[in-house]
Amino acid sequence: MTTYLPALIWMLSSFVCLYIAKRRHLKQTALKSMAVAVAGPFAFPFVLAAKPRQFNQA
């Protein structure tokens, strides 16, 4: 069980990062998703530092 714990933490943190990015209206691309999956728990500062998408109000 303890051998699966780091993988579980890595996967949960990537899902949380993608959830935060969706809530902040960040544009989600394949490259950004792969970067979050690779960075795992270290991706939180990148997601929080990214600028949200601007909506045009016409």
PDB file of N, CA and C in Angstrom:
ATOM      1  N   MET A   1       0.820  -1.199   0.000  1.00  0.00           N
ATOM      2  CA  MET A   1       0.000   0.000   0.000  1.00  0.00           C
ATOM      3  C   MET A   1       0.863   1.262   0.000  1.00  0.00           C
ATOM      4  N   THR A   2       1.967   1.232   0.737  1.00  0.00           N
ATOM      5  CA  THR A   2       2.796   2.431   0.819  1.00  0.00           C
ATOM      6  C   THR A   2       3.500   2.737  -0.499  1.00  0.00           C
ATOM      7  N   THR A   3       3.650   1.744  -1.371  1.00  0.00           N
ATOM      8  CA  THR A   3       4.282   2.008  -2.660  1.00  0.00           C
ATOM      9  C   THR A   3       3.331   2.758  -3.591  1.00  0.00           C
ATOM     10  N   TYR A   4       2.047   2.643  -3.382  1.00  0.00           N
ATOM     11  CA  TYR A   4       1.072   3.341  -4.213  1.00  0.00           C
ATOM     12  C   TYR A   4       0.771   4.744  -3.711  1.00  0.00           C
ATOM     13  N   LEU A   5       1.168   5.070  -2.513  1.00  0.00           N
ATOM     14  CA  LEU A   5       0.853   6.368  -1.924  1.00  0.00           C
ATOM     15  C   LEU A   5       1.442   7.543  -2.708  1.00  0.00           C
ATOM     16  N   PRO A   6       2.705   7.533  -3.118  1.00  0.00           N
ATOM     17  CA  PRO A   6       3.199   8.659  -3.929  1.00  0.00           C
ATOM     18  C   PRO A   6       2.464   8.809  -5.257  1.00  0.00           C
ATOM     19  N   ALA A   7       2.131   7.710  -5.892  1.00  0.00           N
ATOM     20  CA  ALA A   7       1.385   7.791  -7.156  1.00  0.00           C
ATOM     21  C   ALA A   7      -0.009   8.353  -6.914  1.00  0.00           C
ATOM     22  N   LEU A   8      -0.633   7.977  -5.830  1.00  0.00           N
ATOM     23  CA  LEU A   8      -1.959   8.495  -5.496  1.00  0.00           C
ATOM     24  C   LEU A   8      -1.905   9.993  -5.218  1.00  0.00           C
ATOM     25  N   ILE A   9      -0.904  10.440  -4.473  1.00  0.00           N
ATOM     26  CA  ILE A   9      -0.745  11.858  -4.188  1.00  0.00           C
ATOM     27  C   ILE A   9      -0.485  12.621  -5.481  1.00  0.00           C
ATOM     28  N   TRP A  10       0.337  12.049  -6.372  1.00  0.00           N
ATOM     29  CA  TRP A  10       0.663  12.696  -7.642  1.00  0.00           C
ATOM     30  C   TRP A  10      -0.588  12.871  -8.502  1.00  0.00           C
ATOM     31  N   MET A  11      -1.401  11.827  -8.586  1.00  0.00           N
ATOM     32  CA  MET A  11      -2.618  11.893  -9.398  1.00  0.00           C
ATOM     33  C   MET A  11      -3.642  12.848  -8.798  1.00  0.00           C
ATOM     34  N   LEU A  12      -3.851  12.791  -7.497  1.00  0.00           N
ATOM     35  CA  LEU A  12      -4.817  13.682  -6.855  1.00  0.00           C
ATOM     36  C   LEU A  12      -4.406  15.146  -7.007  1.00  0.00           C
ATOM     37  N   SER A  13      -3.125  15.421  -6.874  1.00  0.00           N
ATOM     38  CA  SER A  13      -2.691  16.811  -7.011  1.00  0.00           C
ATOM     39  C   SER A  13      -2.864  17.305  -8.439  1.00  0.00           C
ATOM     40  N   SER A  14      -2.673  16.449  -9.429  1.00  0.00           N
ATOM     41  CA  SER A  14      -2.881  16.893 -10.809  1.00  0.00           C
ATOM     42  C   SER A  14      -4.360  17.149 -11.070  1.00  0.00           C
ATOM     43  N   PHE A  15      -5.251  16.338 -10.525  1.00  0.00           N
ATOM     44  CA  PHE A  15      -6.682  16.592 -10.682  1.00  0.00           C
ATOM     45  C   PHE A  15      -7.091  17.884  -9.981  1.00  0.00           C
ATOM     46  N   VAL A  16      -6.534  18.141  -8.814  1.00  0.00           N
ATOM     47  CA  VAL A  16      -6.853  19.379  -8.093  1.00  0.00           C
ATOM     48  C   VAL A  16      -6.349  20.584  -8.867  1.00  0.00           C
ATOM     49  N   CYS A  17      -5.149  20.481  -9.443  1.00  0.00           N
ATOM     50  CA  CYS A  17      -4.610  21.591 -10.242  1.00  0.00           C
ATOM     51  C   CYS A  17      -5.477  21.862 -11.458  1.00  0.00           C
ATOM     52  N   LEU A  18      -5.919  20.828 -12.136  1.00  0.00           N
ATOM     53  CA  LEU A  18      -6.772  21.025 -13.295  1.00  0.00           C
ATOM     54  C   LEU A  18      -8.131  21.595 -12.886  1.00  0.00           C
ATOM     55  N   TYR A  19      -8.634  21.211 -11.718  1.00  0.00           N
ATOM     56  CA  TYR A  19      -9.889  21.763 -11.212  1.00  0.00           C
ATOM     57  C   TYR A  19      -9.735  23.257 -10.899  1.00  0.00           C
ATOM     58  N   ILE A  20      -8.614  23.630 -10.264  1.00  0.00           N
ATOM     59  CA  ILE A  20      -8.353  25.033  -9.953  1.00  0.00           C
ATOM     60  C   ILE A  20      -8.239  25.835 -11.245  1.00  0.00           C
ATOM     61  N   ALA A  21      -7.559  25.285 -12.229  1.00  0.00           N
ATOM     62  CA  ALA A  21      -7.405  25.977 -13.508  1.00  0.00           C
ATOM     63  C   ALA A  21      -8.752  26.190 -14.183  1.00  0.00           C
ATOM     64  N   LYS A  22      -9.623  25.221 -14.088  1.00  0.00           N
ATOM     65  CA  LYS A  22     -10.954  25.356 -14.686  1.00  0.00           C
ATOM     66  C   LYS A  22     -11.764  26.427 -13.958  1.00  0.00           C
ATOM     67  N   ARG A  23     -11.678  26.468 -12.643  1.00  0.00           N
ATOM     68  CA  ARG A  23     -12.414  27.452 -11.869  1.00  0.00           C
ATOM     69  C   ARG A  23     -11.897  28.870 -12.098  1.00  0.00           C
ATOM     70  N   ARG A  24     -10.610  29.009 -12.419  1.00  0.00           N
ATOM     71  CA  ARG A  24     -10.018  30.329 -12.667  1.00  0.00           C
ATOM     72  C   ARG A  24     -10.131  30.729 -14.127  1.00  0.00           C
ATOM     73  N   HIS A  25     -10.811  29.934 -14.939  1.00  0.00           N
ATOM     74  CA  HIS A  25     -11.029  30.191 -16.366  1.00  0.00           C
ATOM     75  C   HIS A  25      -9.712  30.291 -17.129  1.00  0.00           C
ATOM     76  N   LEU A  26      -8.791  29.375 -16.835  1.00  0.00           N
ATOM     77  CA  LEU A  26      -7.548  29.311 -17.588  1.00  0.00           C
ATOM     78  C   LEU A  26      -7.770  28.469 -18.830  1.00  0.00           C
ATOM     79  N   LYS A  27      -7.139  28.882 -19.922  1.00  0.00           N
ATOM     80  CA  LYS A  27      -7.271  28.129 -21.158  1.00  0.00           C
ATOM     81  C   LYS A  27      -6.515  26.813 -21.008  1.00  0.00           C
ATOM     82  N   GLN A  28      -7.209  25.727 -21.254  1.00  0.00           N
ATOM     83  CA  GLN A  28      -6.621  24.411 -21.049  1.00  0.00           C
ATOM     84  C   GLN A  28      -6.172  23.840 -22.387  1.00  0.00           C
ATOM     85  N   THR A  29      -4.882  23.637 -22.519  1.00  0.00           N
ATOM     86  CA  THR A  29      -4.323  23.051 -23.728  1.00  0.00           C
ATOM     87  C   THR A  29      -3.684  21.723 -23.374  1.00  0.00           C
ATOM     88  N   ALA A  30      -3.366  20.963 -24.395  1.00  0.00           N
ATOM     89  CA  ALA A  30      -2.740  19.661 -24.162  1.00  0.00           C
ATOM     90  C   ALA A  30      -1.370  19.826 -23.521  1.00  0.00           C
ATOM     91  N   LEU A  31      -0.626  20.841 -23.937  1.00  0.00           N
ATOM     92  CA  LEU A  31       0.707  21.069 -23.380  1.00  0.00           C
ATOM     93  C   LEU A  31       0.635  21.426 -21.894  1.00  0.00           C
ATOM     94  N   LYS A  32      -0.320  22.266 -21.515  1.00  0.00           N
ATOM     95  CA  LYS A  32      -0.471  22.632 -20.109  1.00  0.00           C
ATOM     96  C   LYS A  32      -0.932  21.439 -19.279  1.00  0.00           C
ATOM     97  N   SER A  33      -1.812  20.622 -19.830  1.00  0.00           N
ATOM     98  CA  SER A  33      -2.278  19.443 -19.104  1.00  0.00           C
ATOM     99  C   SER A  33      -1.142  18.448 -18.886  1.00  0.00           C
ATOM    100  N   MET A  34      -0.303  18.293 -19.894  1.00  0.00           N
ATOM    101  CA  MET A  34       0.841  17.385 -19.746  1.00  0.00           C
ATOM    102  C   MET A  34       1.841  17.939 -18.736  1.00  0.00           C
ATOM    103  N   ALA A  35       2.027  19.251 -18.719  1.00  0.00           N
ATOM    104  CA  ALA A  35       2.949  19.854 -17.760  1.00  0.00           C
ATOM    105  C   ALA A  35       2.457  19.654 -16.334  1.00  0.00           C
ATOM    106  N   VAL A  36       1.157  19.795 -16.127  1.00  0.00           N
ATOM    107  CA  VAL A  36       0.593  19.564 -14.794  1.00  0.00           C
ATOM    108  C   VAL A  36       0.730  18.097 -14.401  1.00  0.00           C
ATOM    109  N   ALA A  37       0.518  17.199 -15.341  1.00  0.00           N
ATOM    110  CA  ALA A  37       0.638  15.773 -15.041  1.00  0.00           C
ATOM    111  C   ALA A  37       2.074  15.397 -14.696  1.00  0.00           C
ATOM    112  N   VAL A  38       3.033  16.018 -15.368  1.00  0.00           N
ATOM    113  CA  VAL A  38       4.441  15.716 -15.102  1.00  0.00           C
ATOM    114  C   VAL A  38       4.898  16.379 -13.806  1.00  0.00           C
ATOM    115  N   ALA A  39       4.479  17.609 -13.570  1.00  0.00           N
ATOM    116  CA  ALA A  39       4.932  18.349 -12.392  1.00  0.00           C
ATOM    117  C   ALA A  39       4.260  17.859 -11.109  1.00  0.00           C
ATOM    118  N   GLY A  40       3.058  17.334 -11.228  1.00  0.00           N
ATOM    119  CA  GLY A  40       2.366  16.783 -10.062  1.00  0.00           C
ATOM    120  C   GLY A  40       2.119  17.823  -8.988  1.00  0.00           C
ATOM    121  N   PRO A  41       2.544  17.561  -7.756  1.00  0.00           N
ATOM    122  CA  PRO A  41       2.277  18.495  -6.662  1.00  0.00           C
ATOM    123  C   PRO A  41       3.016  19.826  -6.801  1.00  0.00           C
ATOM    124  N   PHE A  42       4.038  19.876  -7.640  1.00  0.00           N
ATOM    125  CA  PHE A  42       4.794  21.107  -7.825  1.00  0.00           C
ATOM    126  C   PHE A  42       4.121  22.053  -8.810  1.00  0.00           C
ATOM    127  N   ALA A  43       2.992  21.678  -9.365  1.00  0.00           N
ATOM    128  CA  ALA A  43       2.294  22.505 -10.355  1.00  0.00           C
ATOM    129  C   ALA A  43       1.384  23.551  -9.711  1.00  0.00           C
ATOM    130  N   PHE A  44       1.132  23.463  -8.422  1.00  0.00           N
ATOM    131  CA  PHE A  44       0.237  24.412  -7.769  1.00  0.00           C
ATOM    132  C   PHE A  44       0.689  25.861  -7.934  1.00  0.00           C
ATOM    133  N   PRO A  45       1.959  26.199  -7.735  1.00  0.00           N
ATOM    134  CA  PRO A  45       2.348  27.606  -7.938  1.00  0.00           C
ATOM    135  C   PRO A  45       2.147  28.079  -9.378  1.00  0.00           C
ATOM    136  N   PHE A  46       2.358  27.195 -10.346  1.00  0.00           N
ATOM    137  CA  PHE A  46       2.175  27.582 -11.745  1.00  0.00           C
ATOM    138  C   PHE A  46       0.711  27.854 -12.059  1.00  0.00           C
ATOM    139  N   VAL A  47      -0.165  27.051 -11.521  1.00  0.00           N
ATOM    140  CA  VAL A  47      -1.600  27.229 -11.773  1.00  0.00           C
ATOM    141  C   VAL A  47      -2.097  28.498 -11.088  1.00  0.00           C
ATOM    142  N   LEU A  48      -1.622  28.741  -9.884  1.00  0.00           N
ATOM    143  CA  LEU A  48      -2.071  29.923  -9.159  1.00  0.00           C
ATOM    144  C   LEU A  48      -1.467  31.208  -9.720  1.00  0.00           C
ATOM    145  N   ALA A  49      -0.309  31.127 -10.355  1.00  0.00           N
ATOM    146  CA  ALA A  49       0.340  32.320 -10.908  1.00  0.00           C
ATOM    147  C   ALA A  49      -0.146  32.652 -12.316  1.00  0.00           C
ATOM    148  N   ALA A  50      -0.812  31.738 -12.980  1.00  0.00           N
ATOM    149  CA  ALA A  50      -1.269  31.972 -14.357  1.00  0.00           C
ATOM    150  C   ALA A  50      -2.373  33.008 -14.367  1.00  0.00           C
ATOM    151  N   LYS A  51      -2.375  33.805 -15.426  1.00  0.00           N
ATOM    152  CA  LYS A  51      -3.394  34.844 -15.571  1.00  0.00           C
ATOM    153  C   LYS A  51      -4.666  34.237 -16.156  1.00  0.00           C
ATOM    154  N   PRO A  52      -5.816  34.595 -15.598  1.00  0.00           N
ATOM    155  CA  PRO A  52      -7.086  34.083 -16.128  1.00  0.00           C
ATOM    156  C   PRO A  52      -7.378  34.658 -17.516  1.00  0.00           C
ATOM    157  N   ARG A  53      -8.198  33.940 -18.235  1.00  0.00           N
ATOM    158  CA  ARG A  53      -8.595  34.359 -19.574  1.00  0.00           C
ATOM    159  C   ARG A  53      -9.499  35.586 -19.493  1.00  0.00           C
ATOM    160  N   GLN A  54      -9.311  36.524 -20.404  1.00  0.00           N
ATOM    161  CA  GLN A  54     -10.127  37.733 -20.448  1.00  0.00           C
ATOM    162  C   GLN A  54     -11.316  37.500 -21.382  1.00  0.00           C
ATOM    163  N   PHE A  55     -12.494  37.862 -20.926  1.00  0.00           N
ATOM    164  CA  PHE A  55     -13.692  37.733 -21.741  1.00  0.00           C
ATOM    165  C   PHE A  55     -14.032  39.089 -22.347  1.00  0.00           C
ATOM    166  N   ASN A  56     -14.369  39.098 -23.596  1.00  0.00           N
ATOM    167  CA  ASN A  56     -14.792  40.331 -24.276  1.00  0.00           C
ATOM    168  C   ASN A  56     -16.258  40.583 -23.987  1.00  0.00           C
ATOM    169  N   GLN A  57     -16.536  41.764 -23.479  1.00  0.00           N
ATOM    170  CA  GLN A  57     -17.923  42.133 -23.217  1.00  0.00           C
ATOM    171  C   GLN A  57     -18.359  43.104 -24.297  1.00  0.00           C
ATOM    172  N   ALA A  58     -19.221  42.651 -25.172  1.00  0.00           N
ATOM    173  CA  ALA A  58     -19.662  43.483 -26.295  1.00  0.00           C
ATOM    174  C   ALA A  58     -21.054  43.991 -26.059  1.00  0.00           C
TER     175      ALA A  58
END
